[in-house]
Amino acid sequence: MNDDHFRLLLDVAPVGVVLVDARNPEWPLVYANPGFLAMTGYCLEELLGKNLRMLQGDDPDPEARRRLREQLSRGESCHLVLRNYRKDGSAFLNEFSIVPVRDASGQITHYAGYHREAAERARPEPRAAQAPVTREDRLTGLLSYSYLEELLRRDWAIAQREHLSIAIFAIDIDALEMYNATFGRAAGDSIIRRLAHCISGCLRRASDATARVDGGTMIAFAPGLNVEQALRLGQTMTERVRDLRIHHPRSSVLRYVSISVGVAAATPEPADSPTVLLQRARQQLELAKKSGRNHAA
């Protein structure tokens, strides 16, 4: 595939795609596809050579920017939701994933960003006294489970309308309690963070989403994957975690930290609910645990 064909694929992508220069400390933008330009209201000439922090206007999120810098400096992908502003001044929630791009020698030369507008949560009536949904898990930087549920309901409706499949992954860190008992809770939290980044790195499309439920339990979903594709991706998650080779001397599974993954996928029918598929993924997770852990079922 030549560069023109590759550029054409990016130009017709259904999400916003950008490329920034990682060799410049200012991370200037070198490419933005029409989807990103339409979402922000800027033309390409207005963005080229600039850092996309400009989209935050006077409403920066220093904690999110710190985490973004830290994860990318470690060569990890990063998933965030930030309030951004279009050229006309209107605000929107920008949900995006950033992935390092390496050359043949393994050096990071660019960062690729995949952006989509996240739906605002409907405002409750004044009498409803409901707390807003927290969009981020503080420990890992993944999505919060409550926000993932909102995204899943939205993407579920799209899958129903367009007759698309959707896959859900229920993920659990094997023998985490024993790891905490051996090395302490702080070390266990560090493992959760590290594995969260590893697992979310396997789900790189802008339409994919990963959240921590509690402890070492995570839920992810990926639109457009059938059962076979989802099982392969679930197995990739387990392999990537094993490849980290994090020593776990008291695990009954193997000498290293491992995960079990439950996988479920379906094309939603009009009467179907995402709750049913979530339950099926959790049932598959229990099956993976009963059959030895350290694999996807």
Foldseek 3Di string as FASTA:
>chain_A
DDPVVVVVCQQPDQWKKWKFFPVDPQRATDDIHPRVCVVQVDDPVVRGGHRVCVQCPPPDDVVQVVVCVVQVVVQFKAWAWGWGAHPVGDIFIKTKIKHFDADPVGHGGMIMMTIDTDDDDDDDDPVPPDDDDQQADPLARFGAPVVVVVLCVVVLVVLQVVQWKKKKKKKAKAPLVLVCVVPNDVVSSVLLNVLQRLLVRLVHHSSKGKHAHDRNIIMIMDIRDAQVRQQVSQQVSQVSQVVVQDADCPGPQDRGIGMEMFMFMDRDHPPDDVVVRVVNRVVQSVVCVVVRGSGYD
